[in-house]
C-alpha cells in the first residue's frame, strides 16, 4: 500500500492505524495488540507521553462499543517482536490500572453466540430476507491453537419462484504454519495452495 491512504467508508469495516483514526468516530472500535512493546513501543520521555495521548484518542473513537485485544503469547514470526522474545505478553502499562476485567478470547466469542442472533419480524415475507453464511477452514480442529486458512461468505436471497440469488466471497489465507495432511484431507487445502496468499 505504500503511502497511499485508505479511503474511509462509513458503511464498511475500516482498518486504520491509530494516527489515521484521529478525528473519526465509529459505533464499534477494535484496538488490536494492546501489549507492552507494541503500545507503547520503545518510546521514552516525551515520545512515550505522545504514545499515551494517541492511545487515549483511539479509545475515545468508539460511540457504543470498544474492544481491546491482547495476546498472552505470540508464536511463529511474531514471537520475535519486542525484547521479550517467547515470553508471556503483558497488557499495555497504559491500560493496567483500569478496572475492566479481561475475558479469554474464545470464551468471549462464544458468549456472543446468543447476543448477535437477529430474529427477523415474522411478518416479513421470506423473499425480502437476505441470509449470510460464513465458513472458515482451519489448519486443524482446536480453536485455541489452529489457524484460519480459508474464509468464505455466501449472501443469499431466497426467490419464491425461480433460483435464489447468491453473492459468494472466498479467499485463501496464509496461516504462517504447515497445514497437516489430516486437515488437507478434509478441506483439500494444501501448503502449496496458500504459499502466495496473504496472512
C-alpha atoms as a PDB file:
ATOM      1  CA  UNK A   1       0.000   0.000   0.000  1.00  0.00           C
ATOM      2  CA  UNK A   2       2.957   2.339   0.484  1.00  0.00           C
ATOM      3  CA  UNK A   3       1.998   5.869   1.490  1.00  0.00           C
ATOM      4  CA  UNK A   4      -1.463   5.661  -0.031  1.00  0.00           C
ATOM      5  CA  UNK A   5      -4.194   6.444   2.492  1.00  0.00           C
ATOM      6  CA  UNK A   6      -7.182   4.148   2.803  1.00  0.00           C
ATOM      7  CA  UNK A   7     -10.462   5.710   1.772  1.00  0.00           C
ATOM      8  CA  UNK A   8     -12.883   5.820   4.702  1.00  0.00           C
ATOM      9  CA  UNK A   9     -16.300   4.276   4.078  1.00  0.00           C
ATOM     10  CA  UNK A  10     -18.783   4.718   6.970  1.00  0.00           C
ATOM     11  CA  UNK A  11     -20.848   1.772   5.704  1.00  0.00           C
ATOM     12  CA  UNK A  12     -17.945  -0.682   5.849  1.00  0.00           C
ATOM     13  CA  UNK A  13     -15.338  -2.011   8.239  1.00  0.00           C
ATOM     14  CA  UNK A  14     -12.297   0.268   8.149  1.00  0.00           C
ATOM     15  CA  UNK A  15      -8.857  -0.935   9.260  1.00  0.00           C
ATOM     16  CA  UNK A  16      -6.777   2.055  10.326  1.00  0.00           C
ATOM     17  CA  UNK A  17      -3.653   2.974  12.231  1.00  0.00           C
ATOM     18  CA  UNK A  18      -4.209   4.948  15.416  1.00  0.00           C
ATOM     19  CA  UNK A  19      -2.795   8.028  13.682  1.00  0.00           C
ATOM     20  CA  UNK A  20      -5.270   7.647  10.818  1.00  0.00           C
ATOM     21  CA  UNK A  21      -8.226   7.318  13.220  1.00  0.00           C
ATOM     22  CA  UNK A  22      -7.817  10.837  14.620  1.00  0.00           C
ATOM     23  CA  UNK A  23     -10.973  12.904  14.317  1.00  0.00           C
ATOM     24  CA  UNK A  24     -13.140   9.925  13.340  1.00  0.00           C
ATOM     25  CA  UNK A  25     -15.776   8.009  15.279  1.00  0.00           C
ATOM     26  CA  UNK A  26     -17.394   4.607  14.842  1.00  0.00           C
ATOM     27  CA  UNK A  27     -20.152   2.640  16.542  1.00  0.00           C
ATOM     28  CA  UNK A  28     -17.676  -0.114  17.396  1.00  0.00           C
ATOM     29  CA  UNK A  29     -13.898   0.116  17.655  1.00  0.00           C
ATOM     30  CA  UNK A  30     -11.415  -2.765  17.960  1.00  0.00           C
ATOM     31  CA  UNK A  31      -7.976  -1.855  19.284  1.00  0.00           C
ATOM     32  CA  UNK A  32      -5.659  -4.722  18.383  1.00  0.00           C
ATOM     33  CA  UNK A  33      -2.409  -5.715  20.106  1.00  0.00           C
ATOM     34  CA  UNK A  34      -2.590  -3.601  23.276  1.00  0.00           C
ATOM     35  CA  UNK A  35       0.633  -5.054  24.693  1.00  0.00           C
ATOM     36  CA  UNK A  36       3.827  -3.555  26.010  1.00  0.00           C
ATOM     37  CA  UNK A  37       6.412  -3.335  23.226  1.00  0.00           C
ATOM     38  CA  UNK A  38       3.518  -2.539  20.837  1.00  0.00           C
ATOM     39  CA  UNK A  39       1.581   0.150  22.740  1.00  0.00           C
ATOM     40  CA  UNK A  40       3.771   1.871  23.641  1.00  0.00           C
ATOM     41  CA  UNK A  41       6.655   0.699  21.526  1.00  0.00           C
ATOM     42  CA  UNK A  42      10.130   1.657  22.667  1.00  0.00           C
ATOM     43  CA  UNK A  43       9.340   5.334  23.122  1.00  0.00           C
ATOM     44  CA  UNK A  44      10.678   7.111  26.189  1.00  0.00           C
ATOM     45  CA  UNK A  45      10.162  10.545  27.690  1.00  0.00           C
ATOM     46  CA  UNK A  46       8.071  12.923  25.598  1.00  0.00           C
ATOM     47  CA  UNK A  47       7.599  10.299  22.886  1.00  0.00           C
ATOM     48  CA  UNK A  48       6.081   7.897  25.427  1.00  0.00           C
ATOM     49  CA  UNK A  49       3.681  10.638  26.517  1.00  0.00           C
ATOM     50  CA  UNK A  50       2.688  11.153  22.867  1.00  0.00           C
ATOM     51  CA  UNK A  51       2.014   7.408  22.580  1.00  0.00           C
ATOM     52  CA  UNK A  52      -0.247   7.556  25.661  1.00  0.00           C
ATOM     53  CA  UNK A  53      -2.153  10.512  24.231  1.00  0.00           C
ATOM     54  CA  UNK A  54      -2.578   8.760  20.881  1.00  0.00           C
ATOM     55  CA  UNK A  55      -3.938   5.662  22.645  1.00  0.00           C
ATOM     56  CA  UNK A  56      -6.430   7.800  24.581  1.00  0.00           C
ATOM     57  CA  UNK A  57      -7.621   9.434  21.366  1.00  0.00           C
ATOM     58  CA  UNK A  58      -8.050   5.989  19.790  1.00  0.00           C
ATOM     59  CA  UNK A  59     -10.039   4.639  22.749  1.00  0.00           C
ATOM     60  CA  UNK A  60     -12.444   7.572  22.604  1.00  0.00           C
ATOM     61  CA  UNK A  61     -13.315   6.972  18.935  1.00  0.00           C
ATOM     62  CA  UNK A  62     -15.952   4.378  19.934  1.00  0.00           C
ATOM     63  CA  UNK A  63     -19.545   5.611  20.177  1.00  0.00           C
ATOM     64  CA  UNK A  64     -21.025   2.425  21.669  1.00  0.00           C
ATOM     65  CA  UNK A  65     -18.582  -0.480  21.937  1.00  0.00           C
ATOM     66  CA  UNK A  66     -14.837  -0.664  22.486  1.00  0.00           C
ATOM     67  CA  UNK A  67     -12.990  -3.981  22.329  1.00  0.00           C
ATOM     68  CA  UNK A  68      -9.297  -4.096  23.223  1.00  0.00           C
ATOM     69  CA  UNK A  69      -7.322  -7.245  22.403  1.00  0.00           C
ATOM     70  CA  UNK A  70      -4.026  -8.558  23.706  1.00  0.00           C
ATOM     71  CA  UNK A  71      -2.079 -11.774  23.064  1.00  0.00           C
ATOM     72  CA  UNK A  72      -0.734 -13.645  26.060  1.00  0.00           C
ATOM     73  CA  UNK A  73       1.845 -15.360  23.883  1.00  0.00           C
ATOM     74  CA  UNK A  74       2.940 -14.747  20.302  1.00  0.00           C
ATOM     75  CA  UNK A  75       4.228 -17.600  18.181  1.00  0.00           C
ATOM     76  CA  UNK A  76       5.861 -18.039  14.785  1.00  0.00           C
ATOM     77  CA  UNK A  77       7.403 -14.899  13.324  1.00  0.00           C
ATOM     78  CA  UNK A  78       5.535 -12.700  15.811  1.00  0.00           C
ATOM     79  CA  UNK A  79       7.372 -14.370  18.709  1.00  0.00           C
ATOM     80  CA  UNK A  80      10.434 -12.280  17.862  1.00  0.00           C
ATOM     81  CA  UNK A  81       8.775  -8.876  18.167  1.00  0.00           C
ATOM     82  CA  UNK A  82       9.832  -6.808  21.143  1.00  0.00           C
ATOM     83  CA  UNK A  83      12.530  -7.589  23.689  1.00  0.00           C
ATOM     84  CA  UNK A  84      10.623 -10.356  25.481  1.00  0.00           C
ATOM     85  CA  UNK A  85      11.108 -12.997  22.795  1.00  0.00           C
ATOM     86  CA  UNK A  86       8.913 -16.018  23.520  1.00  0.00           C
ATOM     87  CA  UNK A  87       7.876 -14.698  26.929  1.00  0.00           C
ATOM     88  CA  UNK A  88       4.350 -14.163  28.219  1.00  0.00           C
ATOM     89  CA  UNK A  89       2.993 -10.848  26.936  1.00  0.00           C
ATOM     90  CA  UNK A  90       1.742  -8.118  29.258  1.00  0.00           C
ATOM     91  CA  UNK A  91      -1.185  -5.757  28.764  1.00  0.00           C
ATOM     92  CA  UNK A  92      -0.003  -2.259  27.876  1.00  0.00           C
ATOM     93  CA  UNK A  93       1.070  -0.421  31.013  1.00  0.00           C
ATOM     94  CA  UNK A  94      -1.170   2.423  29.865  1.00  0.00           C
ATOM     95  CA  UNK A  95      -4.225   0.219  30.488  1.00  0.00           C
ATOM     96  CA  UNK A  96      -3.295  -1.933  33.508  1.00  0.00           C
ATOM     97  CA  UNK A  97      -4.865   0.369  36.108  1.00  0.00           C
ATOM     98  CA  UNK A  98      -8.339   0.253  34.570  1.00  0.00           C
ATOM     99  CA  UNK A  99     -10.864  -1.848  36.488  1.00  0.00           C
ATOM    100  CA  UNK A 100     -12.452  -3.531  33.457  1.00  0.00           C
ATOM    101  CA  UNK A 101     -11.897  -7.279  33.593  1.00  0.00           C
ATOM    102  CA  UNK A 102     -10.375  -9.315  30.802  1.00  0.00           C
ATOM    103  CA  UNK A 103     -12.016 -12.252  29.041  1.00  0.00           C
ATOM    104  CA  UNK A 104     -10.356 -15.108  27.219  1.00  0.00           C
ATOM    105  CA  UNK A 105     -11.000 -14.515  23.505  1.00  0.00           C
ATOM    106  CA  UNK A 106     -12.705 -17.837  22.716  1.00  0.00           C
ATOM    107  CA  UNK A 107     -14.975 -17.526  25.779  1.00  0.00           C
ATOM    108  CA  UNK A 108     -15.978 -14.012  24.729  1.00  0.00           C
ATOM    109  CA  UNK A 109     -16.786 -15.075  21.172  1.00  0.00           C
ATOM    110  CA  UNK A 110     -18.861 -17.977  22.466  1.00  0.00           C
ATOM    111  CA  UNK A 111     -20.792 -15.601  24.734  1.00  0.00           C
ATOM    112  CA  UNK A 112     -21.750 -13.546  21.672  1.00  0.00           C
ATOM    113  CA  UNK A 113     -23.466 -16.521  20.052  1.00  0.00           C
ATOM    114  CA  UNK A 114     -26.869 -15.680  21.522  1.00  0.00           C
ATOM    115  CA  UNK A 115     -26.339 -11.925  21.679  1.00  0.00           C
ATOM    116  CA  UNK A 116     -25.778 -11.451  17.950  1.00  0.00           C
ATOM    117  CA  UNK A 117     -28.643 -13.605  16.742  1.00  0.00           C
ATOM    118  CA  UNK A 118     -31.122 -11.454  14.871  1.00  0.00           C
ATOM    119  CA  UNK A 119     -34.620 -12.837  14.546  1.00  0.00           C
ATOM    120  CA  UNK A 120     -36.470 -11.031  11.752  1.00  0.00           C
ATOM    121  CA  UNK A 121     -40.023  -9.851  12.071  1.00  0.00           C
ATOM    122  CA  UNK A 122     -42.094 -12.956  11.325  1.00  0.00           C
ATOM    123  CA  UNK A 123     -44.384 -10.841   9.194  1.00  0.00           C
ATOM    124  CA  UNK A 124     -41.531 -10.139   6.746  1.00  0.00           C
ATOM    125  CA  UNK A 125     -42.009 -12.214   3.575  1.00  0.00           C
ATOM    126  CA  UNK A 126     -39.161 -14.676   3.147  1.00  0.00           C
ATOM    127  CA  UNK A 127     -38.372 -13.364  -0.329  1.00  0.00           C
ATOM    128  CA  UNK A 128     -37.437  -9.999   1.250  1.00  0.00           C
ATOM    129  CA  UNK A 129     -34.869 -11.528   3.595  1.00  0.00           C
ATOM    130  CA  UNK A 130     -31.149 -11.920   2.983  1.00  0.00           C
ATOM    131  CA  UNK A 131     -29.182 -14.712   4.628  1.00  0.00           C
ATOM    132  CA  UNK A 132     -25.414 -14.769   5.142  1.00  0.00           C
ATOM    133  CA  UNK A 133     -23.379 -17.897   5.768  1.00  0.00           C
ATOM    134  CA  UNK A 134     -19.777 -17.733   6.945  1.00  0.00           C
ATOM    135  CA  UNK A 135     -17.461 -20.719   6.559  1.00  0.00           C
ATOM    136  CA  UNK A 136     -13.902 -20.946   7.860  1.00  0.00           C
ATOM    137  CA  UNK A 137     -11.389 -23.646   7.051  1.00  0.00           C
ATOM    138  CA  UNK A 138      -8.548 -24.113   9.528  1.00  0.00           C
ATOM    139  CA  UNK A 139      -5.292 -25.983   9.999  1.00  0.00           C
ATOM    140  CA  UNK A 140      -6.989 -28.341  12.489  1.00  0.00           C
ATOM    141  CA  UNK A 141      -9.860 -28.726  14.949  1.00  0.00           C
ATOM    142  CA  UNK A 142      -8.515 -26.901  18.022  1.00  0.00           C
ATOM    143  CA  UNK A 143      -9.786 -23.268  18.062  1.00  0.00           C
ATOM    144  CA  UNK A 144      -7.202 -22.265  20.687  1.00  0.00           C
ATOM    145  CA  UNK A 145      -4.251 -23.439  18.601  1.00  0.00           C
ATOM    146  CA  UNK A 146      -5.143 -23.820  14.930  1.00  0.00           C
ATOM    147  CA  UNK A 147      -5.323 -21.032  12.375  1.00  0.00           C
ATOM    148  CA  UNK A 148      -7.617 -19.985   9.556  1.00  0.00           C
ATOM    149  CA  UNK A 149      -6.534 -20.940   6.030  1.00  0.00           C
ATOM    150  CA  UNK A 150      -9.700 -20.006   4.078  1.00  0.00           C
ATOM    151  CA  UNK A 151     -12.595 -17.581   4.565  1.00  0.00           C
ATOM    152  CA  UNK A 152     -15.811 -17.920   2.580  1.00  0.00           C
ATOM    153  CA  UNK A 153     -19.035 -15.929   2.776  1.00  0.00           C
ATOM    154  CA  UNK A 154     -22.263 -16.522   0.897  1.00  0.00           C
ATOM    155  CA  UNK A 155     -25.002 -13.890   0.819  1.00  0.00           C
ATOM    156  CA  UNK A 156     -28.244 -15.382  -0.410  1.00  0.00           C
ATOM    157  CA  UNK A 157     -31.724 -14.104  -1.111  1.00  0.00           C
ATOM    158  CA  UNK A 158     -34.437 -16.697  -1.432  1.00  0.00           C
ATOM    159  CA  UNK A 159     -36.626 -16.451  -4.507  1.00  0.00           C
ATOM    160  CA  UNK A 160     -40.068 -17.967  -4.122  1.00  0.00           C
ATOM    161  CA  UNK A 161     -40.211 -18.558  -7.856  1.00  0.00           C
ATOM    162  CA  UNK A 162     -37.026 -19.477  -9.671  1.00  0.00           C
ATOM    163  CA  UNK A 163     -33.493 -19.840  -8.343  1.00  0.00           C
ATOM    164  CA  UNK A 164     -32.185 -17.938  -5.359  1.00  0.00           C
ATOM    165  CA  UNK A 165     -29.649 -15.170  -5.961  1.00  0.00           C
ATOM    166  CA  UNK A 166     -26.207 -15.596  -4.417  1.00  0.00           C
ATOM    167  CA  UNK A 167     -23.122 -13.492  -3.887  1.00  0.00           C
ATOM    168  CA  UNK A 168     -20.049 -15.524  -2.983  1.00  0.00           C
ATOM    169  CA  UNK A 169     -16.780 -14.308  -1.485  1.00  0.00           C
ATOM    170  CA  UNK A 170     -13.880 -16.665  -0.872  1.00  0.00           C
ATOM    171  CA  UNK A 171     -10.209 -16.138  -0.148  1.00  0.00           C
ATOM    172  CA  UNK A 172      -7.294 -18.264   0.966  1.00  0.00           C
ATOM    173  CA  UNK A 173      -5.289 -17.102   3.981  1.00  0.00           C
ATOM    174  CA  UNK A 174      -1.669 -17.970   4.708  1.00  0.00           C
ATOM    175  CA  UNK A 175      -1.751 -19.213   8.331  1.00  0.00           C
ATOM    176  CA  UNK A 176       2.002 -18.876   8.667  1.00  0.00           C
ATOM    177  CA  UNK A 177       2.368 -22.551   9.515  1.00  0.00           C
ATOM    178  CA  UNK A 178       2.184 -26.016   7.954  1.00  0.00           C
ATOM    179  CA  UNK A 179      -1.271 -27.428   7.119  1.00  0.00           C
ATOM    180  CA  UNK A 180      -1.325 -31.029   8.416  1.00  0.00           C
ATOM    181  CA  UNK A 181      -2.315 -33.767   5.989  1.00  0.00           C
ATOM    182  CA  UNK A 182      -5.334 -34.679   8.171  1.00  0.00           C
ATOM    183  CA  UNK A 183      -6.728 -31.160   7.692  1.00  0.00           C
ATOM    184  CA  UNK A 184      -5.941 -31.162   3.960  1.00  0.00           C
ATOM    185  CA  UNK A 185      -7.850 -34.434   3.622  1.00  0.00           C
ATOM    186  CA  UNK A 186     -10.963 -32.665   4.961  1.00  0.00           C
ATOM    187  CA  UNK A 187     -10.924 -29.344   3.077  1.00  0.00           C
ATOM    188  CA  UNK A 188      -8.460 -30.049   0.268  1.00  0.00           C
ATOM    189  CA  UNK A 189      -6.252 -27.017   1.008  1.00  0.00           C
ATOM    190  CA  UNK A 190      -2.506 -27.681   0.980  1.00  0.00           C
ATOM    191  CA  UNK A 191       0.633 -25.717   1.823  1.00  0.00           C
ATOM    192  CA  UNK A 192       1.171 -25.182  -1.893  1.00  0.00           C
ATOM    193  CA  UNK A 193      -2.288 -23.587  -2.246  1.00  0.00           C
ATOM    194  CA  UNK A 194      -1.659 -20.932   0.407  1.00  0.00           C
ATOM    195  CA  UNK A 195       2.011 -20.146  -0.195  1.00  0.00           C
ATOM    196  CA  UNK A 196       1.206 -16.888  -2.054  1.00  0.00           C
ATOM    197  CA  UNK A 197      -1.897 -15.961  -0.013  1.00  0.00           C
ATOM    198  CA  UNK A 198      -1.924 -13.005   2.373  1.00  0.00           C
ATOM    199  CA  UNK A 199      -1.535 -13.576   6.098  1.00  0.00           C
END
